[in-house]
Amino acid sequence: MAWSWVNLVRGPSDLSTCPPAEQPGQVDMSVAPFTNVERQCSAAANDEEFDERAAIIEHDGGIPREWAEGYARLDPEMPPRGVPMLRWQAVVDAIGRFLDLWAAEASAQGWTAADLFGADAVRPGSSWLNAGPLWSGNGAEVVAVMPDKIEFSMPDGSRQFHYRRPHLRPRILPWEFAA
């Protein structure tokens, strides 16, 4: 398997859960939404791994520290309320690919975390409303980053552009959902 930031976030599959799986009260991720308490418990268990992941992402990728720390906090198995699991995993993967290939260039051209990764603070599941370009979850690949737009190659081979524009409503970053 090729190395990428996505693999770094997903980490080992045998990480402990909170509460442990064999105890009553375990939340089934496939059917129940997570509460902030459960997210905080999970995050606290991984503090050491978080620091290491953030440092590696920042150093190796030349990525702004805020982006590296934010990405290191993401858990592809814990979608925010209102975002389907498969879509959330596609968004986390898209952010990882973007950090691998384009983040340093985008940062140098003035793109902010909210421009790229932000979701509508009220309706995060509505990508067309007020989300950054990586929230589409449609398998598009970034092929160019320019100061005012990002070019995508769609799965069918066509090209689309996402233009940087003022945020219509408040945006929230993916790693702030659990905060």
C-alpha atoms as a PDB file:
ATOM      1  CA  MET A   1       0.000   0.000   0.000  1.00  0.00           C
ATOM      2  CA  ALA A   2       1.343   3.449  -0.911  1.00  0.00           C
ATOM      3  CA  TRP A   3       2.084   5.850   1.913  1.00  0.00           C
ATOM      4  CA  SER A   4      -0.093   8.971   2.303  1.00  0.00           C
ATOM      5  CA  TRP A   5      -1.502  11.314   4.911  1.00  0.00           C
ATOM      6  CA  VAL A   6      -4.799   9.432   4.668  1.00  0.00           C
ATOM      7  CA  ASN A   7      -3.162   6.281   6.062  1.00  0.00           C
ATOM      8  CA  LEU A   8      -1.586   8.358   8.812  1.00  0.00           C
ATOM      9  CA  VAL A   9      -4.997   9.606  10.011  1.00  0.00           C
ATOM     10  CA  ARG A  10      -6.717   6.258   9.797  1.00  0.00           C
ATOM     11  CA  GLY A  11      -3.981   4.651  11.855  1.00  0.00           C
ATOM     12  CA  PRO A  12      -4.172   1.139  13.245  1.00  0.00           C
ATOM     13  CA  SER A  13      -7.604  -0.475  13.281  1.00  0.00           C
ATOM     14  CA  ASP A  14      -7.174  -1.925  16.753  1.00  0.00           C
ATOM     15  CA  LEU A  15      -7.209   1.377  18.664  1.00  0.00           C
ATOM     16  CA  SER A  16      -9.151   1.243  21.900  1.00  0.00           C
ATOM     17  CA  THR A  17     -12.676   2.577  21.892  1.00  0.00           C
ATOM     18  CA  CYS A  18     -14.380   4.679  24.496  1.00  0.00           C
ATOM     19  CA  PRO A  19     -16.095   2.959  26.268  1.00  0.00           C
ATOM     20  CA  PRO A  20     -14.390  -0.383  25.502  1.00  0.00           C
ATOM     21  CA  ALA A  21     -16.338  -2.516  23.047  1.00  0.00           C
ATOM     22  CA  GLU A  22     -17.022  -5.279  25.548  1.00  0.00           C
ATOM     23  CA  GLN A  23     -18.761  -2.944  28.024  1.00  0.00           C
ATOM     24  CA  PRO A  24     -22.420  -1.899  27.932  1.00  0.00           C
ATOM     25  CA  GLY A  25     -22.984   1.498  26.381  1.00  0.00           C
ATOM     26  CA  GLN A  26     -20.755   1.016  23.343  1.00  0.00           C
ATOM     27  CA  VAL A  27     -21.985   3.205  20.518  1.00  0.00           C
ATOM     28  CA  ASP A  28     -22.503   1.519  17.168  1.00  0.00           C
ATOM     29  CA  MET A  29     -20.933   3.970  14.691  1.00  0.00           C
ATOM     30  CA  SER A  30     -23.020   2.706  11.800  1.00  0.00           C
ATOM     31  CA  VAL A  31     -26.359   3.642  13.355  1.00  0.00           C
ATOM     32  CA  ALA A  32     -25.980   6.142  16.182  1.00  0.00           C
ATOM     33  CA  PRO A  33     -24.716   9.717  15.943  1.00  0.00           C
ATOM     34  CA  PHE A  34     -21.820  10.582  18.238  1.00  0.00           C
ATOM     35  CA  THR A  35     -22.130  13.089  21.028  1.00  0.00           C
ATOM     36  CA  ASN A  36     -19.434  15.558  21.987  1.00  0.00           C
ATOM     37  CA  VAL A  37     -18.649  13.524  25.138  1.00  0.00           C
ATOM     38  CA  GLU A  38     -17.954  10.402  23.086  1.00  0.00           C
ATOM     39  CA  ARG A  39     -15.839  12.413  20.628  1.00  0.00           C
ATOM     40  CA  GLN A  40     -13.820  13.987  23.453  1.00  0.00           C
ATOM     41  CA  CYS A  41     -13.214  10.589  25.043  1.00  0.00           C
ATOM     42  CA  SER A  42     -11.994   9.181  21.741  1.00  0.00           C
ATOM     43  CA  ALA A  43      -9.808  12.226  21.103  1.00  0.00           C
ATOM     44  CA  ALA A  44      -8.269  12.095  24.589  1.00  0.00           C
ATOM     45  CA  ALA A  45      -7.209   8.490  24.022  1.00  0.00           C
ATOM     46  CA  ASN A  46      -5.218   9.518  20.959  1.00  0.00           C
ATOM     47  CA  ASP A  47      -3.427  12.715  22.160  1.00  0.00           C
ATOM     48  CA  GLU A  48       0.067  11.270  21.722  1.00  0.00           C
ATOM     49  CA  GLU A  49      -0.723   9.999  18.239  1.00  0.00           C
ATOM     50  CA  PHE A  50      -2.288  13.354  17.353  1.00  0.00           C
ATOM     51  CA  ASP A  51       0.862  15.307  18.215  1.00  0.00           C
ATOM     52  CA  GLU A  52       3.023  12.920  16.215  1.00  0.00           C
ATOM     53  CA  ARG A  53       0.702  12.952  13.183  1.00  0.00           C
ATOM     54  CA  ALA A  54       0.465  16.763  13.189  1.00  0.00           C
ATOM     55  CA  ALA A  55       4.246  17.175  13.367  1.00  0.00           C
ATOM     56  CA  ILE A  56       4.837  14.714  10.521  1.00  0.00           C
ATOM     57  CA  ILE A  57       2.174  16.306   8.304  1.00  0.00           C
ATOM     58  CA  GLU A  58       3.496  19.817   8.893  1.00  0.00           C
ATOM     59  CA  HIS A  59       7.178  18.959   8.485  1.00  0.00           C
ATOM     60  CA  ASP A  60       7.039  16.529   5.577  1.00  0.00           C
ATOM     61  CA  GLY A  61       4.369  18.323   3.591  1.00  0.00           C
ATOM     62  CA  GLY A  62       5.318  21.962   4.155  1.00  0.00           C
ATOM     63  CA  ILE A  63       1.725  22.449   5.279  1.00  0.00           C
ATOM     64  CA  PRO A  64       0.499  25.224   7.597  1.00  0.00           C
ATOM     65  CA  ARG A  65       0.453  23.978  11.202  1.00  0.00           C
ATOM     66  CA  GLU A  66      -3.289  24.730  11.580  1.00  0.00           C
ATOM     67  CA  TRP A  67      -4.089  22.462   8.628  1.00  0.00           C
ATOM     68  CA  ALA A  68      -1.753  19.715   9.864  1.00  0.00           C
ATOM     69  CA  GLU A  69      -3.199  19.775  13.386  1.00  0.00           C
ATOM     70  CA  GLY A  70      -6.731  19.878  12.052  1.00  0.00           C
ATOM     71  CA  TYR A  71      -6.249  16.964   9.710  1.00  0.00           C
ATOM     72  CA  ALA A  72      -4.570  14.927  12.445  1.00  0.00           C
ATOM     73  CA  ARG A  73      -7.779  15.333  14.517  1.00  0.00           C
ATOM     74  CA  LEU A  74     -10.076  13.897  11.835  1.00  0.00           C
ATOM     75  CA  ASP A  75     -11.556  10.472  12.375  1.00  0.00           C
ATOM     76  CA  PRO A  76     -13.050   8.990   9.194  1.00  0.00           C
ATOM     77  CA  GLU A  77     -15.159   6.678  11.356  1.00  0.00           C
ATOM     78  CA  MET A  78     -16.902   9.530  13.205  1.00  0.00           C
ATOM     79  CA  PRO A  79     -18.903  11.745  10.848  1.00  0.00           C
ATOM     80  CA  PRO A  80     -20.510  14.937  12.105  1.00  0.00           C
ATOM     81  CA  ARG A  81     -24.268  14.953  12.583  1.00  0.00           C
ATOM     82  CA  GLY A  82     -26.035  15.307   9.267  1.00  0.00           C
ATOM     83  CA  VAL A  83     -23.170  13.943   7.163  1.00  0.00           C
ATOM     84  CA  PRO A  84     -23.506  10.342   5.929  1.00  0.00           C
ATOM     85  CA  MET A  85     -20.590   8.029   6.777  1.00  0.00           C
ATOM     86  CA  LEU A  86     -19.540   7.352   3.156  1.00  0.00           C
ATOM     87  CA  ARG A  87     -19.611  11.047   2.301  1.00  0.00           C
ATOM     88  CA  TRP A  88     -17.585  11.912   5.406  1.00  0.00           C
ATOM     89  CA  GLN A  89     -14.978   9.291   4.505  1.00  0.00           C
ATOM     90  CA  ALA A  90     -14.800  10.692   0.957  1.00  0.00           C
ATOM     91  CA  VAL A  91     -14.257  14.199   2.374  1.00  0.00           C
ATOM     92  CA  VAL A  92     -11.493  13.014   4.738  1.00  0.00           C
ATOM     93  CA  ASP A  93      -9.828  11.170   1.833  1.00  0.00           C
ATOM     94  CA  ALA A  94     -10.128  14.254  -0.418  1.00  0.00           C
ATOM     95  CA  ILE A  95      -8.534  16.444   2.242  1.00  0.00           C
ATOM     96  CA  GLY A  96      -5.702  13.916   2.669  1.00  0.00           C
ATOM     97  CA  ARG A  97      -5.018  13.806  -1.079  1.00  0.00           C
ATOM     98  CA  PHE A  98      -5.114  17.602  -1.216  1.00  0.00           C
ATOM     99  CA  LEU A  99      -2.616  17.883   1.639  1.00  0.00           C
ATOM    100  CA  ASP A 100      -0.355  15.350  -0.101  1.00  0.00           C
ATOM    101  CA  LEU A 101      -0.285  17.191  -3.402  1.00  0.00           C
ATOM    102  CA  TRP A 102      -1.551  20.761  -3.256  1.00  0.00           C
ATOM    103  CA  ALA A 103      -1.643  22.266   0.245  1.00  0.00           C
ATOM    104  CA  ALA A 104       1.692  24.092   0.146  1.00  0.00           C
ATOM    105  CA  GLU A 105       0.825  25.643  -3.218  1.00  0.00           C
ATOM    106  CA  ALA A 106      -2.691  26.606  -2.127  1.00  0.00           C
ATOM    107  CA  SER A 107      -1.398  28.214   1.068  1.00  0.00           C
ATOM    108  CA  ALA A 108       1.214  30.181  -0.893  1.00  0.00           C
ATOM    109  CA  GLN A 109      -1.564  31.464  -3.179  1.00  0.00           C
ATOM    110  CA  GLY A 110      -3.620  32.759  -0.267  1.00  0.00           C
ATOM    111  CA  TRP A 111      -6.236  30.017   0.138  1.00  0.00           C
ATOM    112  CA  THR A 112      -7.399  29.683   3.747  1.00  0.00           C
ATOM    113  CA  ALA A 113      -8.520  26.599   5.631  1.00  0.00           C
ATOM    114  CA  ALA A 114     -12.128  27.855   5.513  1.00  0.00           C
ATOM    115  CA  ASP A 115     -11.882  28.431   1.732  1.00  0.00           C
ATOM    116  CA  LEU A 116     -10.716  24.866   1.139  1.00  0.00           C
ATOM    117  CA  PHE A 117     -12.035  22.674   3.922  1.00  0.00           C
ATOM    118  CA  GLY A 118     -14.923  24.641   5.431  1.00  0.00           C
ATOM    119  CA  ALA A 119     -18.493  23.348   5.548  1.00  0.00           C
ATOM    120  CA  ASP A 120     -21.662  25.293   6.155  1.00  0.00           C
ATOM    121  CA  ALA A 121     -21.837  25.689   9.949  1.00  0.00           C
ATOM    122  CA  VAL A 122     -25.594  25.063  10.056  1.00  0.00           C
ATOM    123  CA  ARG A 123     -25.986  22.477   7.277  1.00  0.00           C
ATOM    124  CA  PRO A 124     -22.652  20.676   6.777  1.00  0.00           C
ATOM    125  CA  GLY A 125     -24.284  18.014   4.611  1.00  0.00           C
ATOM    126  CA  SER A 126     -25.244  20.596   1.951  1.00  0.00           C
ATOM    127  CA  SER A 127     -22.069  21.041  -0.090  1.00  0.00           C
ATOM    128  CA  TRP A 128     -23.677  23.200  -2.764  1.00  0.00           C
ATOM    129  CA  LEU A 129     -24.818  25.773  -0.222  1.00  0.00           C
ATOM    130  CA  ASN A 130     -21.647  27.114   1.315  1.00  0.00           C
ATOM    131  CA  ALA A 131     -18.820  24.581   1.437  1.00  0.00           C
ATOM    132  CA  GLY A 132     -15.241  24.493   0.287  1.00  0.00           C
ATOM    133  CA  PRO A 133     -14.360  22.522  -2.832  1.00  0.00           C
ATOM    134  CA  LEU A 134     -13.278  19.361  -1.014  1.00  0.00           C
ATOM    135  CA  TRP A 135     -16.771  18.712   0.440  1.00  0.00           C
ATOM    136  CA  SER A 136     -18.335  17.424  -2.769  1.00  0.00           C
ATOM    137  CA  GLY A 137     -17.365  13.817  -2.022  1.00  0.00           C
ATOM    138  CA  ASN A 138     -17.736  12.976  -5.701  1.00  0.00           C
ATOM    139  CA  GLY A 139     -14.332  11.456  -6.472  1.00  0.00           C
ATOM    140  CA  ALA A 140     -13.020  14.528  -8.299  1.00  0.00           C
ATOM    141  CA  GLU A 141      -9.248  15.005  -8.366  1.00  0.00           C
ATOM    142  CA  VAL A 142      -7.525  18.385  -8.103  1.00  0.00           C
ATOM    143  CA  VAL A 143      -5.412  19.055 -11.187  1.00  0.00           C
ATOM    144  CA  ALA A 144      -4.502  22.726 -10.655  1.00  0.00           C
ATOM    145  CA  VAL A 145      -4.616  25.355  -7.924  1.00  0.00           C
ATOM    146  CA  MET A 146      -4.728  29.005  -8.947  1.00  0.00           C
ATOM    147  CA  PRO A 147      -5.150  32.156  -6.815  1.00  0.00           C
ATOM    148  CA  ASP A 148      -8.856  32.467  -7.683  1.00  0.00           C
ATOM    149  CA  LYS A 149      -9.938  28.905  -8.515  1.00  0.00           C
ATOM    150  CA  ILE A 150      -9.202  25.192  -8.288  1.00  0.00           C
ATOM    151  CA  GLU A 151      -9.528  22.924 -11.308  1.00  0.00           C
ATOM    152  CA  PHE A 152     -10.895  19.407 -10.850  1.00  0.00           C
ATOM    153  CA  SER A 153     -10.891  16.370 -13.110  1.00  0.00           C
ATOM    154  CA  MET A 154     -14.204  14.573 -12.647  1.00  0.00           C
ATOM    155  CA  PRO A 155     -14.506  10.762 -12.657  1.00  0.00           C
ATOM    156  CA  ASP A 156     -15.989  10.939 -16.186  1.00  0.00           C
ATOM    157  CA  GLY A 157     -12.942  12.898 -17.447  1.00  0.00           C
ATOM    158  CA  SER A 158     -14.643  16.299 -17.662  1.00  0.00           C
ATOM    159  CA  ARG A 159     -13.163  19.370 -15.963  1.00  0.00           C
ATOM    160  CA  GLN A 160     -14.837  21.606 -13.386  1.00  0.00           C
ATOM    161  CA  PHE A 161     -13.724  24.719 -11.550  1.00  0.00           C
ATOM    162  CA  HIS A 162     -14.392  25.847  -8.004  1.00  0.00           C
ATOM    163  CA  TYR A 163     -13.999  29.611  -7.742  1.00  0.00           C
ATOM    164  CA  ARG A 164     -12.951  31.256  -4.521  1.00  0.00           C
ATOM    165  CA  ARG A 165     -15.808  33.453  -3.409  1.00  0.00           C
ATOM    166  CA  PRO A 166     -17.000  35.161  -0.243  1.00  0.00           C
ATOM    167  CA  HIS A 167     -18.528  32.764   2.250  1.00  0.00           C
ATOM    168  CA  LEU A 168     -22.305  33.147   2.123  1.00  0.00           C
ATOM    169  CA  ARG A 169     -22.789  32.005   5.715  1.00  0.00           C
ATOM    170  CA  PRO A 170     -20.485  30.991   8.573  1.00  0.00           C
ATOM    171  CA  ARG A 171     -18.265  28.001   7.828  1.00  0.00           C
ATOM    172  CA  ILE A 172     -16.922  25.397  10.199  1.00  0.00           C
ATOM    173  CA  LEU A 173     -13.782  23.379   9.609  1.00  0.00           C
ATOM    174  CA  PRO A 174     -14.103  19.581   9.648  1.00  0.00           C
ATOM    175  CA  TRP A 175     -11.901  19.281  12.716  1.00  0.00           C
ATOM    176  CA  GLU A 176     -14.042  21.792  14.654  1.00  0.00           C
ATOM    177  CA  PHE A 177     -17.162  19.611  14.667  1.00  0.00           C
ATOM    178  CA  ALA A 178     -15.949  17.727  17.731  1.00  0.00           C
ATOM    179  CA  ALA A 179     -14.586  20.791  19.540  1.00  0.00           C
END
